[in-house]
């Protein structure tokens, strides 16, 4: 996934909008990974999908993004892409580590350029496991113009020759907590990546 693309996805979610963009609907099954993206996964409902691989974009390396909303109104975005190469499995291979660090740097720059302040994140990412899949992950946060702190957990792994990036966004202003986000991921990720 291009760094610009993940930054745009983050900006759309943090702004609370589904920005209009040229898109095509994605298939309900990802052919390369054999992941099914049904209307409901682990209690979350599919809101929309964006197929960068199909017309009018025709960028197979950019993959497909699926957006789900949880019962607590948090957004989970799942992006499946290969960047034009085969990705080894797991969260600790060099391809995943490099991609993750690049995406994190780009996200931080975009958040700061988007007018957010007081950006905070741990100095190093961690590994988190949902079901039997391990991800390189990190949670960062920043304050928006309305003085509300917004949070994102960003996760990346290699899965069946592809990157699988999952992010969830939440805000305490909306009565959402870190525990809510983790509970949503605990229900969602194992149901999705069987």
N, C-alpha and C. Protein backbone atom coordinates (compact mmCIF):
# COMPACT_ATOMS: atom_id res chain seq x y z
N UNK A 1 0.86 -1.17 0.00
CA UNK A 1 0.00 0.00 0.00
C UNK A 1 0.90 1.22 0.00
N UNK A 2 0.55 2.21 -0.77
CA UNK A 2 1.36 3.41 -0.79
C UNK A 2 1.19 4.17 0.51
N UNK A 3 2.24 4.85 0.91
CA UNK A 3 2.18 5.64 2.14
C UNK A 3 1.09 6.70 2.03
N UNK A 4 0.93 7.29 0.87
CA UNK A 4 -0.09 8.31 0.69
C UNK A 4 -1.47 7.72 0.92
N UNK A 5 -1.71 6.52 0.43
CA UNK A 5 -3.02 5.89 0.56
C UNK A 5 -3.39 5.64 2.01
N UNK A 6 -2.47 5.09 2.80
CA UNK A 6 -2.81 4.82 4.20
C UNK A 6 -3.03 6.12 4.96
N UNK A 7 -2.29 7.16 4.60
CA UNK A 7 -2.47 8.46 5.25
C UNK A 7 -3.85 9.02 4.92
N UNK A 8 -4.26 8.88 3.68
CA UNK A 8 -5.59 9.36 3.29
C UNK A 8 -6.68 8.58 4.02
N UNK A 9 -6.49 7.28 4.14
CA UNK A 9 -7.48 6.49 4.87
C UNK A 9 -7.56 6.95 6.32
N UNK A 10 -6.42 7.19 6.93
CA UNK A 10 -6.41 7.65 8.32
C UNK A 10 -7.08 9.01 8.44
N UNK A 11 -6.78 9.89 7.53
CA UNK A 11 -7.37 11.23 7.58
C UNK A 11 -8.89 11.17 7.42
N UNK A 12 -9.37 10.30 6.52
CA UNK A 12 -10.81 10.17 6.32
C UNK A 12 -11.49 9.68 7.60
N UNK A 13 -10.89 8.66 8.21
CA UNK A 13 -11.50 8.09 9.41
C UNK A 13 -11.43 9.08 10.56
N UNK A 14 -10.28 9.72 10.75
CA UNK A 14 -10.14 10.67 11.85
C UNK A 14 -11.06 11.86 11.67
N UNK A 15 -11.29 12.26 10.45
CA UNK A 15 -12.17 13.39 10.21
C UNK A 15 -13.63 12.99 10.35
N UNK A 16 -13.89 11.67 10.40
CA UNK A 16 -15.26 11.20 10.57
C UNK A 16 -16.07 11.28 9.29
N UNK A 17 -15.38 11.32 8.15
CA UNK A 17 -16.08 11.43 6.89
C UNK A 17 -15.68 10.29 5.98
N UNK A 18 -16.54 9.98 5.07
CA UNK A 18 -16.21 9.05 4.00
C UNK A 18 -16.05 9.90 2.75
N UNK A 19 -14.88 10.44 2.59
CA UNK A 19 -14.61 11.39 1.50
C UNK A 19 -14.96 10.77 0.16
N UNK A 20 -15.54 11.58 -0.68
CA UNK A 20 -15.87 11.13 -2.03
C UNK A 20 -14.58 10.87 -2.79
N UNK A 21 -14.52 9.76 -3.45
CA UNK A 21 -13.35 9.42 -4.24
C UNK A 21 -13.78 8.49 -5.36
N UNK A 22 -12.95 8.41 -6.37
CA UNK A 22 -13.23 7.50 -7.46
C UNK A 22 -12.94 6.10 -6.94
N UNK A 23 -13.91 5.23 -7.03
CA UNK A 23 -13.74 3.90 -6.47
C UNK A 23 -14.62 2.91 -7.20
N UNK A 24 -14.31 1.66 -7.00
CA UNK A 24 -15.19 0.60 -7.47
C UNK A 24 -15.38 -0.36 -6.30
N UNK A 25 -16.52 -0.99 -6.27
CA UNK A 25 -16.83 -1.90 -5.18
C UNK A 25 -15.96 -3.13 -5.28
N UNK A 26 -15.52 -3.60 -4.15
CA UNK A 26 -14.64 -4.75 -4.10
C UNK A 26 -15.44 -6.04 -4.03
N UNK A 27 -14.84 -7.14 -4.47
CA UNK A 27 -15.52 -8.43 -4.33
C UNK A 27 -15.62 -8.82 -2.85
N UNK A 28 -16.59 -9.68 -2.53
CA UNK A 28 -16.75 -10.09 -1.14
C UNK A 28 -15.73 -11.14 -0.71
N UNK A 29 -14.98 -11.67 -1.64
CA UNK A 29 -13.88 -12.59 -1.33
C UNK A 29 -12.62 -12.08 -2.02
N UNK A 30 -11.54 -11.97 -1.25
CA UNK A 30 -10.27 -11.53 -1.82
C UNK A 30 -9.60 -12.75 -2.46
N UNK A 31 -9.40 -12.71 -3.76
CA UNK A 31 -8.91 -13.88 -4.50
C UNK A 31 -7.53 -14.33 -4.04
N UNK A 32 -6.62 -13.41 -3.80
CA UNK A 32 -5.25 -13.77 -3.44
C UNK A 32 -5.10 -14.41 -2.08
N UNK A 33 -5.84 -13.93 -1.09
CA UNK A 33 -5.71 -14.43 0.28
C UNK A 33 -6.81 -15.41 0.67
N UNK A 34 -7.86 -15.47 -0.14
CA UNK A 34 -9.04 -16.31 0.16
C UNK A 34 -9.76 -15.83 1.42
N UNK A 35 -9.59 -14.55 1.79
CA UNK A 35 -10.32 -13.98 2.92
C UNK A 35 -11.71 -13.58 2.44
N UNK A 36 -12.74 -13.99 3.18
CA UNK A 36 -14.11 -13.58 2.88
C UNK A 36 -14.42 -12.32 3.67
N UNK A 37 -15.06 -11.37 3.01
CA UNK A 37 -15.48 -10.12 3.63
C UNK A 37 -17.00 -10.02 3.56
N UNK A 38 -17.70 -10.73 4.45
CA UNK A 38 -19.16 -10.73 4.43
C UNK A 38 -19.73 -9.43 5.00
N UNK A 39 -21.04 -9.31 4.97
CA UNK A 39 -21.72 -8.11 5.45
C UNK A 39 -21.52 -7.90 6.95
N UNK A 40 -21.28 -8.97 7.69
CA UNK A 40 -21.06 -8.87 9.13
C UNK A 40 -19.92 -9.79 9.53
N UNK A 41 -18.98 -9.25 10.32
CA UNK A 41 -17.85 -10.04 10.82
C UNK A 41 -17.65 -9.70 12.29
N UNK A 42 -17.74 -10.67 13.16
CA UNK A 42 -17.48 -10.46 14.58
C UNK A 42 -18.29 -9.33 15.18
N UNK A 43 -19.52 -9.14 14.71
CA UNK A 43 -20.38 -8.08 15.21
C UNK A 43 -20.24 -6.76 14.50
N UNK A 44 -19.24 -6.61 13.64
CA UNK A 44 -19.06 -5.37 12.87
C UNK A 44 -19.75 -5.49 11.51
N UNK A 45 -20.28 -4.38 11.04
CA UNK A 45 -21.03 -4.36 9.78
C UNK A 45 -20.21 -3.70 8.66
N UNK A 46 -20.20 -4.34 7.50
CA UNK A 46 -19.51 -3.78 6.34
C UNK A 46 -20.24 -2.51 5.90
N UNK A 47 -19.50 -1.42 5.82
CA UNK A 47 -20.07 -0.14 5.39
C UNK A 47 -19.80 0.12 3.91
N UNK A 48 -18.58 -0.16 3.49
CA UNK A 48 -18.23 0.05 2.08
C UNK A 48 -16.88 -0.58 1.82
N UNK A 49 -16.54 -0.67 0.55
CA UNK A 49 -15.22 -1.17 0.16
C UNK A 49 -14.70 -0.30 -0.98
N UNK A 50 -13.40 -0.28 -1.10
CA UNK A 50 -12.76 0.48 -2.17
C UNK A 50 -11.78 -0.45 -2.86
N UNK A 51 -11.97 -0.65 -4.16
CA UNK A 51 -11.14 -1.55 -4.94
C UNK A 51 -10.18 -0.72 -5.79
N UNK A 52 -8.96 -0.56 -5.29
CA UNK A 52 -7.96 0.20 -6.04
C UNK A 52 -7.40 -0.61 -7.20
N UNK A 53 -7.59 -1.94 -7.13
CA UNK A 53 -7.07 -2.83 -8.17
C UNK A 53 -7.92 -2.79 -9.44
N UNK A 54 -9.21 -2.49 -9.29
CA UNK A 54 -10.11 -2.51 -10.44
C UNK A 54 -10.30 -1.13 -11.06
N UNK A 55 -11.15 -1.07 -12.07
CA UNK A 55 -11.42 0.22 -12.72
C UNK A 55 -12.01 1.20 -11.74
N UNK A 56 -11.77 2.43 -11.80
CA UNK A 56 -10.97 3.13 -12.80
C UNK A 56 -9.50 3.22 -12.45
N UNK A 57 -9.10 2.75 -11.26
CA UNK A 57 -7.72 2.91 -10.82
C UNK A 57 -6.75 1.94 -11.47
N UNK A 58 -7.17 0.66 -11.58
CA UNK A 58 -6.36 -0.38 -12.20
C UNK A 58 -4.95 -0.46 -11.62
N UNK A 59 -4.88 -0.51 -10.29
CA UNK A 59 -3.60 -0.62 -9.58
C UNK A 59 -3.63 -1.87 -8.70
N UNK A 60 -3.42 -3.05 -9.28
CA UNK A 60 -3.51 -4.28 -8.50
C UNK A 60 -2.61 -4.29 -7.27
N UNK A 61 -1.46 -3.64 -7.33
CA UNK A 61 -0.54 -3.61 -6.19
C UNK A 61 -1.10 -2.83 -5.01
N UNK A 62 -2.09 -1.95 -5.26
CA UNK A 62 -2.69 -1.13 -4.20
C UNK A 62 -3.80 -1.86 -3.46
N UNK A 63 -4.31 -2.94 -4.00
CA UNK A 63 -5.24 -3.80 -3.29
C UNK A 63 -6.63 -3.25 -3.07
N UNK A 64 -7.23 -3.69 -1.97
CA UNK A 64 -8.62 -3.42 -1.65
C UNK A 64 -8.74 -3.06 -0.18
N UNK A 65 -9.60 -2.11 0.13
CA UNK A 65 -9.87 -1.74 1.52
C UNK A 65 -11.35 -1.97 1.82
N UNK A 66 -11.60 -2.59 2.96
CA UNK A 66 -12.95 -2.86 3.45
C UNK A 66 -13.14 -2.08 4.75
N UNK A 67 -14.24 -1.33 4.86
CA UNK A 67 -14.53 -0.53 6.04
C UNK A 67 -15.71 -1.14 6.79
N UNK A 68 -15.50 -1.44 8.07
CA UNK A 68 -16.53 -1.98 8.93
C UNK A 68 -16.79 -1.01 10.08
N UNK A 69 -18.02 -1.00 10.59
CA UNK A 69 -18.31 -0.21 11.79
C UNK A 69 -18.76 -1.17 12.89
N UNK A 70 -18.31 -0.89 14.09
CA UNK A 70 -18.63 -1.74 15.23
C UNK A 70 -19.92 -1.24 15.89
N UNK A 71 -20.51 -2.04 16.78
CA UNK A 71 -21.70 -1.57 17.49
C UNK A 71 -21.44 -0.29 18.30
N UNK A 72 -20.20 -0.05 18.71
CA UNK A 72 -19.85 1.17 19.44
C UNK A 72 -19.44 2.29 18.49
N UNK A 73 -19.71 2.13 17.21
CA UNK A 73 -19.48 3.14 16.18
C UNK A 73 -18.00 3.48 15.97
N UNK A 74 -17.13 2.49 16.18
CA UNK A 74 -15.73 2.64 15.81
C UNK A 74 -15.56 2.12 14.39
N UNK A 75 -14.58 2.62 13.69
CA UNK A 75 -14.33 2.20 12.31
C UNK A 75 -13.13 1.25 12.29
N UNK A 76 -13.32 0.10 11.66
CA UNK A 76 -12.22 -0.84 11.41
C UNK A 76 -12.00 -0.85 9.90
N UNK A 77 -10.78 -0.53 9.48
CA UNK A 77 -10.43 -0.58 8.07
C UNK A 77 -9.45 -1.72 7.86
N UNK A 78 -9.74 -2.58 6.89
CA UNK A 78 -8.86 -3.70 6.54
C UNK A 78 -8.39 -3.48 5.12
N UNK A 79 -7.08 -3.38 4.96
CA UNK A 79 -6.52 -3.17 3.63
C UNK A 79 -5.65 -4.37 3.29
N UNK A 80 -5.94 -4.99 2.14
CA UNK A 80 -5.20 -6.16 1.67
C UNK A 80 -4.52 -5.76 0.37
N UNK A 81 -3.19 -5.88 0.34
CA UNK A 81 -2.42 -5.47 -0.84
C UNK A 81 -1.09 -6.20 -0.85
N UNK A 82 -0.40 -6.17 -1.98
CA UNK A 82 0.90 -6.84 -2.05
C UNK A 82 2.03 -5.91 -2.48
N UNK A 83 1.72 -4.70 -2.87
CA UNK A 83 2.77 -3.78 -3.29
C UNK A 83 3.55 -4.28 -4.49
N UNK A 84 2.97 -5.22 -5.23
CA UNK A 84 3.63 -5.75 -6.42
C UNK A 84 4.64 -6.85 -6.15
N UNK A 85 4.60 -7.44 -4.96
CA UNK A 85 5.55 -8.51 -4.63
C UNK A 85 4.88 -9.52 -3.69
N UNK A 86 5.52 -10.68 -3.53
CA UNK A 86 5.03 -11.70 -2.59
C UNK A 86 5.54 -11.35 -1.20
N UNK A 87 4.66 -11.35 -0.22
CA UNK A 87 4.99 -10.96 1.14
C UNK A 87 5.09 -12.22 2.01
N UNK A 88 6.22 -12.40 2.70
CA UNK A 88 6.35 -13.56 3.60
C UNK A 88 5.34 -13.49 4.74
N UNK A 89 4.97 -14.64 5.31
CA UNK A 89 4.00 -14.65 6.39
C UNK A 89 4.58 -14.10 7.70
N UNK A 90 3.70 -13.59 8.54
CA UNK A 90 4.08 -13.17 9.88
C UNK A 90 4.35 -11.69 10.03
N UNK A 91 4.61 -11.32 11.27
CA UNK A 91 4.77 -9.90 11.60
C UNK A 91 6.21 -9.47 11.77
N UNK A 92 7.16 -10.41 11.76
CA UNK A 92 8.55 -10.05 12.03
C UNK A 92 9.48 -10.16 10.83
N UNK A 93 8.94 -10.43 9.65
CA UNK A 93 9.83 -10.52 8.50
C UNK A 93 10.22 -9.11 8.04
N UNK A 94 11.35 -8.95 7.37
CA UNK A 94 11.84 -7.63 6.99
C UNK A 94 10.87 -6.82 6.13
N UNK A 95 10.10 -7.48 5.25
CA UNK A 95 9.14 -6.74 4.41
C UNK A 95 8.08 -6.07 5.28
N UNK A 96 7.55 -6.78 6.26
CA UNK A 96 6.52 -6.23 7.15
C UNK A 96 7.11 -5.15 8.04
N UNK A 97 8.28 -5.39 8.60
CA UNK A 97 8.92 -4.41 9.49
C UNK A 97 9.16 -3.11 8.74
N UNK A 98 9.73 -3.19 7.54
CA UNK A 98 10.01 -1.98 6.75
C UNK A 98 8.74 -1.25 6.35
N UNK A 99 7.75 -2.00 5.90
CA UNK A 99 6.48 -1.38 5.48
C UNK A 99 5.80 -0.70 6.67
N UNK A 100 5.80 -1.36 7.80
CA UNK A 100 5.16 -0.82 8.99
C UNK A 100 5.82 0.49 9.43
N UNK A 101 7.14 0.50 9.49
CA UNK A 101 7.84 1.71 9.94
C UNK A 101 7.62 2.86 8.96
N UNK A 102 7.60 2.57 7.67
CA UNK A 102 7.32 3.61 6.67
C UNK A 102 5.91 4.16 6.81
N UNK A 103 4.94 3.27 7.03
CA UNK A 103 3.56 3.69 7.18
C UNK A 103 3.38 4.51 8.45
N UNK A 104 4.04 4.12 9.51
CA UNK A 104 3.95 4.85 10.77
C UNK A 104 4.52 6.26 10.64
N UNK A 105 5.67 6.38 10.00
CA UNK A 105 6.27 7.70 9.78
C UNK A 105 5.37 8.58 8.93
N UNK A 106 4.82 8.02 7.87
CA UNK A 106 3.93 8.79 7.00
C UNK A 106 2.66 9.21 7.73
N UNK A 107 2.10 8.30 8.53
CA UNK A 107 0.89 8.62 9.29
C UNK A 107 1.16 9.76 10.26
N UNK A 108 2.29 9.71 10.95
CA UNK A 108 2.62 10.76 11.90
C UNK A 108 2.75 12.11 11.20
N UNK A 109 3.43 12.14 10.08
CA UNK A 109 3.57 13.40 9.33
C UNK A 109 2.21 13.94 8.89
N UNK A 110 1.37 13.07 8.38
CA UNK A 110 0.05 13.51 7.91
C UNK A 110 -0.81 14.02 9.05
N UNK A 111 -0.77 13.33 10.18
CA UNK A 111 -1.55 13.76 11.34
C UNK A 111 -1.10 15.15 11.76
N UNK A 112 0.20 15.37 11.83
CA UNK A 112 0.73 16.69 12.21
C UNK A 112 0.36 17.75 11.18
N UNK A 113 0.46 17.42 9.89
CA UNK A 113 0.12 18.38 8.84
C UNK A 113 -1.38 18.63 8.76
N UNK A 114 -2.18 17.71 9.29
CA UNK A 114 -3.63 17.85 9.28
C UNK A 114 -4.15 18.74 10.40
N UNK A 115 -3.25 19.37 11.15
CA UNK A 115 -3.67 20.28 12.19
C UNK A 115 -3.82 19.65 13.56
N UNK A 116 -3.49 18.38 13.69
CA UNK A 116 -3.55 17.72 14.98
C UNK A 116 -2.32 18.09 15.80
N UNK A 117 -2.46 18.12 17.10
CA UNK A 117 -1.34 18.48 17.98
C UNK A 117 -1.16 17.40 19.04
N UNK A 118 -0.11 17.50 19.79
CA UNK A 118 0.18 16.59 20.91
C UNK A 118 0.17 15.13 20.47
N UNK A 119 0.83 14.86 19.33
CA UNK A 119 0.94 13.50 18.82
C UNK A 119 1.74 12.66 19.81
N UNK A 120 1.20 11.49 20.17
CA UNK A 120 1.87 10.61 21.11
C UNK A 120 1.83 9.18 20.58
N UNK A 121 2.96 8.50 20.76
CA UNK A 121 3.04 7.08 20.42
C UNK A 121 4.20 6.47 21.18
N UNK A 122 4.15 5.15 21.42
CA UNK A 122 5.29 4.49 22.06
C UNK A 122 6.53 4.62 21.17
N UNK A 123 7.69 4.52 21.76
CA UNK A 123 8.92 4.68 20.98
C UNK A 123 9.15 3.52 20.03
N UNK A 124 8.65 2.34 20.37
CA UNK A 124 8.79 1.19 19.48
C UNK A 124 7.46 0.47 19.36
N UNK A 125 7.20 -0.13 18.20
CA UNK A 125 5.97 -0.92 18.05
C UNK A 125 6.06 -2.19 18.88
N UNK A 126 4.94 -2.85 19.02
CA UNK A 126 4.90 -4.12 19.73
C UNK A 126 4.34 -5.18 18.80
N UNK A 127 4.17 -6.36 19.33
CA UNK A 127 3.50 -7.43 18.60
C UNK A 127 2.21 -7.72 19.34
N UNK A 128 1.13 -7.83 18.59
CA UNK A 128 -0.15 -8.18 19.20
C UNK A 128 -0.71 -9.37 18.43
N UNK A 129 -1.42 -10.22 19.13
CA UNK A 129 -1.96 -11.43 18.53
C UNK A 129 -3.47 -11.46 18.72
N UNK A 130 -4.16 -11.74 17.63
CA UNK A 130 -5.62 -11.91 17.65
C UNK A 130 -5.90 -13.25 16.99
N UNK A 131 -6.52 -14.14 17.73
CA UNK A 131 -6.70 -15.49 17.23
C UNK A 131 -5.32 -16.12 17.11
N UNK A 132 -5.01 -16.66 15.95
CA UNK A 132 -3.69 -17.26 15.75
C UNK A 132 -2.80 -16.42 14.82
N UNK A 133 -3.13 -15.13 14.64
CA UNK A 133 -2.37 -14.26 13.76
C UNK A 133 -1.68 -13.17 14.58
N UNK A 134 -0.37 -13.05 14.38
CA UNK A 134 0.41 -12.00 15.06
C UNK A 134 0.61 -10.83 14.11
N UNK A 135 0.55 -9.64 14.67
CA UNK A 135 0.71 -8.40 13.92
C UNK A 135 1.80 -7.55 14.55
N UNK A 136 2.48 -6.76 13.76
CA UNK A 136 3.27 -5.65 14.26
C UNK A 136 2.23 -4.56 14.51
N UNK A 137 2.24 -3.95 15.70
CA UNK A 137 1.17 -3.01 16.01
C UNK A 137 1.66 -1.86 16.87
N UNK A 138 0.88 -0.80 16.85
CA UNK A 138 1.15 0.38 17.66
C UNK A 138 -0.14 1.17 17.80
N UNK A 139 -0.29 1.85 18.93
CA UNK A 139 -1.43 2.74 19.13
C UNK A 139 -0.88 4.14 19.29
N UNK A 140 -1.40 5.06 18.48
CA UNK A 140 -0.99 6.45 18.60
C UNK A 140 -2.22 7.32 18.78
N UNK A 141 -1.99 8.56 19.22
CA UNK A 141 -3.11 9.47 19.42
C UNK A 141 -2.64 10.90 19.23
N UNK A 142 -3.61 11.77 19.02
CA UNK A 142 -3.34 13.20 18.85
C UNK A 142 -4.62 13.96 19.17
N UNK A 143 -4.48 15.26 19.33
CA UNK A 143 -5.61 16.12 19.67
C UNK A 143 -6.03 16.88 18.42
N UNK A 144 -7.35 16.88 18.13
CA UNK A 144 -7.86 17.60 16.96
C UNK A 144 -8.16 19.06 17.30
N UNK A 145 -8.67 19.79 16.31
CA UNK A 145 -8.95 21.21 16.48
C UNK A 145 -10.03 21.48 17.53
N UNK A 146 -10.88 20.52 17.79
CA UNK A 146 -11.94 20.66 18.81
C UNK A 146 -11.44 20.25 20.19
N UNK A 147 -10.13 20.02 20.30
CA UNK A 147 -9.48 19.65 21.55
C UNK A 147 -9.91 18.27 22.05
N UNK A 148 -10.26 17.39 21.13
CA UNK A 148 -10.61 16.00 21.46
C UNK A 148 -9.44 15.10 21.08
N UNK A 149 -9.10 14.17 21.97
CA UNK A 149 -8.02 13.24 21.68
C UNK A 149 -8.59 12.06 20.89
N UNK A 150 -7.96 11.77 19.76
CA UNK A 150 -8.36 10.68 18.87
C UNK A 150 -7.27 9.61 18.89
N UNK A 151 -7.68 8.35 18.81
CA UNK A 151 -6.76 7.23 18.91
C UNK A 151 -6.85 6.35 17.68
N UNK A 152 -5.71 5.74 17.31
CA UNK A 152 -5.67 4.75 16.23
C UNK A 152 -4.76 3.62 16.65
N UNK A 153 -5.23 2.39 16.45
CA UNK A 153 -4.36 1.23 16.57
C UNK A 153 -4.12 0.74 15.16
N UNK A 154 -2.85 0.70 14.78
CA UNK A 154 -2.44 0.30 13.44
C UNK A 154 -1.72 -1.04 13.55
N UNK A 155 -2.10 -2.00 12.69
CA UNK A 155 -1.54 -3.35 12.74
C UNK A 155 -1.20 -3.81 11.33
N UNK A 156 -0.12 -4.59 11.20
CA UNK A 156 0.29 -5.09 9.88
C UNK A 156 0.91 -6.47 10.04
N UNK A 157 0.60 -7.35 9.10
CA UNK A 157 1.20 -8.68 9.05
C UNK A 157 1.30 -9.15 7.61
N UNK A 158 2.10 -10.17 7.40
CA UNK A 158 2.13 -10.87 6.12
C UNK A 158 1.19 -12.05 6.21
N UNK A 159 0.30 -12.19 5.21
CA UNK A 159 -0.73 -13.22 5.26
C UNK A 159 -1.01 -13.71 3.85
N UNK A 160 -0.67 -14.96 3.58
CA UNK A 160 -0.92 -15.57 2.26
C UNK A 160 -0.41 -14.70 1.12
N UNK A 161 0.86 -14.33 1.19
CA UNK A 161 1.59 -13.57 0.15
C UNK A 161 1.17 -12.11 0.04
N UNK A 162 0.43 -11.59 1.00
CA UNK A 162 -0.05 -10.20 0.97
C UNK A 162 0.21 -9.51 2.31
N UNK A 163 0.20 -8.19 2.29
CA UNK A 163 0.12 -7.43 3.52
C UNK A 163 -1.35 -7.39 3.91
N UNK A 164 -1.63 -7.55 5.19
CA UNK A 164 -2.96 -7.29 5.73
C UNK A 164 -2.77 -6.21 6.80
N UNK A 165 -3.29 -5.03 6.50
CA UNK A 165 -3.22 -3.90 7.43
C UNK A 165 -4.60 -3.70 8.03
N UNK A 166 -4.65 -3.62 9.34
CA UNK A 166 -5.92 -3.39 10.03
C UNK A 166 -5.73 -2.21 10.96
N UNK A 167 -6.68 -1.30 10.94
CA UNK A 167 -6.64 -0.17 11.87
C UNK A 167 -8.02 0.05 12.44
N UNK A 168 -8.01 0.50 13.68
CA UNK A 168 -9.27 0.86 14.33
C UNK A 168 -9.07 2.25 14.93
N UNK A 169 -10.08 3.08 14.81
CA UNK A 169 -10.03 4.44 15.31
C UNK A 169 -11.13 4.65 16.34
N UNK A 170 -10.80 5.43 17.39
CA UNK A 170 -11.81 5.71 18.42
C UNK A 170 -11.50 7.03 19.11
N UNK A 171 -12.50 7.50 19.86
CA UNK A 171 -12.38 8.78 20.56
C UNK A 171 -13.12 8.70 21.89
N UNK A 172 -12.49 9.20 22.93
CA UNK A 172 -13.15 9.21 24.23
C UNK A 172 -14.35 10.15 24.24
N UNK A 173 -14.34 11.17 23.38
CA UNK A 173 -15.47 12.09 23.28
C UNK A 173 -16.73 11.33 22.88
N UNK A 174 -16.57 10.27 22.08
CA UNK A 174 -17.70 9.45 21.65
C UNK A 174 -17.96 8.30 22.63
N UNK A 175 -17.41 8.40 23.83
CA UNK A 175 -17.59 7.38 24.86
C UNK A 175 -16.99 6.04 24.43
N UNK A 176 -15.89 6.07 23.69
CA UNK A 176 -15.19 4.86 23.26
C UNK A 176 -13.88 4.76 24.03
N UNK A 177 -13.49 3.53 24.39
CA UNK A 177 -12.28 3.33 25.17
C UNK A 177 -11.33 2.38 24.47
N UNK A 178 -10.11 2.32 24.99
CA UNK A 178 -9.13 1.37 24.48
C UNK A 178 -9.65 -0.06 24.67
N UNK A 179 -10.30 -0.31 25.79
CA UNK A 179 -10.87 -1.64 26.03
C UNK A 179 -11.95 -1.97 25.00
N UNK A 180 -12.75 -0.98 24.60
CA UNK A 180 -13.77 -1.19 23.56
C UNK A 180 -13.10 -1.57 22.23
N UNK A 181 -12.04 -0.85 21.91
CA UNK A 181 -11.33 -1.11 20.65
C UNK A 181 -10.73 -2.51 20.66
N UNK A 182 -10.10 -2.89 21.77
CA UNK A 182 -9.50 -4.21 21.84
C UNK A 182 -10.56 -5.31 21.79
N UNK A 183 -11.68 -5.11 22.45
CA UNK A 183 -12.77 -6.09 22.40
C UNK A 183 -13.30 -6.24 20.98
N UNK A 184 -13.41 -5.13 20.27
CA UNK A 184 -13.87 -5.18 18.88
C UNK A 184 -12.89 -5.96 18.02
N UNK A 185 -11.59 -5.73 18.22
CA UNK A 185 -10.57 -6.46 17.45
C UNK A 185 -10.56 -7.94 17.83
N UNK A 186 -10.74 -8.26 19.11
CA UNK A 186 -10.76 -9.66 19.55
C UNK A 186 -11.91 -10.42 18.89
N UNK A 187 -13.03 -9.76 18.66
CA UNK A 187 -14.17 -10.41 18.00
C UNK A 187 -13.98 -10.44 16.49
N UNK A 188 -13.44 -9.36 15.94
CA UNK A 188 -13.38 -9.17 14.49
C UNK A 188 -12.26 -9.98 13.82
N UNK A 189 -11.03 -9.81 14.29
CA UNK A 189 -9.88 -10.37 13.57
C UNK A 189 -9.91 -11.89 13.48
N UNK A 190 -10.13 -12.65 14.58
CA UNK A 190 -10.19 -14.11 14.44
C UNK A 190 -11.33 -14.57 13.52
N UNK A 191 -12.44 -13.85 13.51
CA UNK A 191 -13.57 -14.23 12.63
C UNK A 191 -13.21 -13.97 11.17
N UNK A 192 -12.40 -12.94 10.91
CA UNK A 192 -12.02 -12.59 9.55
C UNK A 192 -10.91 -13.48 9.02
N UNK A 193 -9.86 -13.68 9.82
CA UNK A 193 -8.66 -14.40 9.36
C UNK A 193 -8.63 -15.81 9.90
N UNK A 194 -9.54 -16.62 9.40
CA UNK A 194 -9.61 -18.02 9.84
C UNK A 194 -8.68 -18.88 9.04
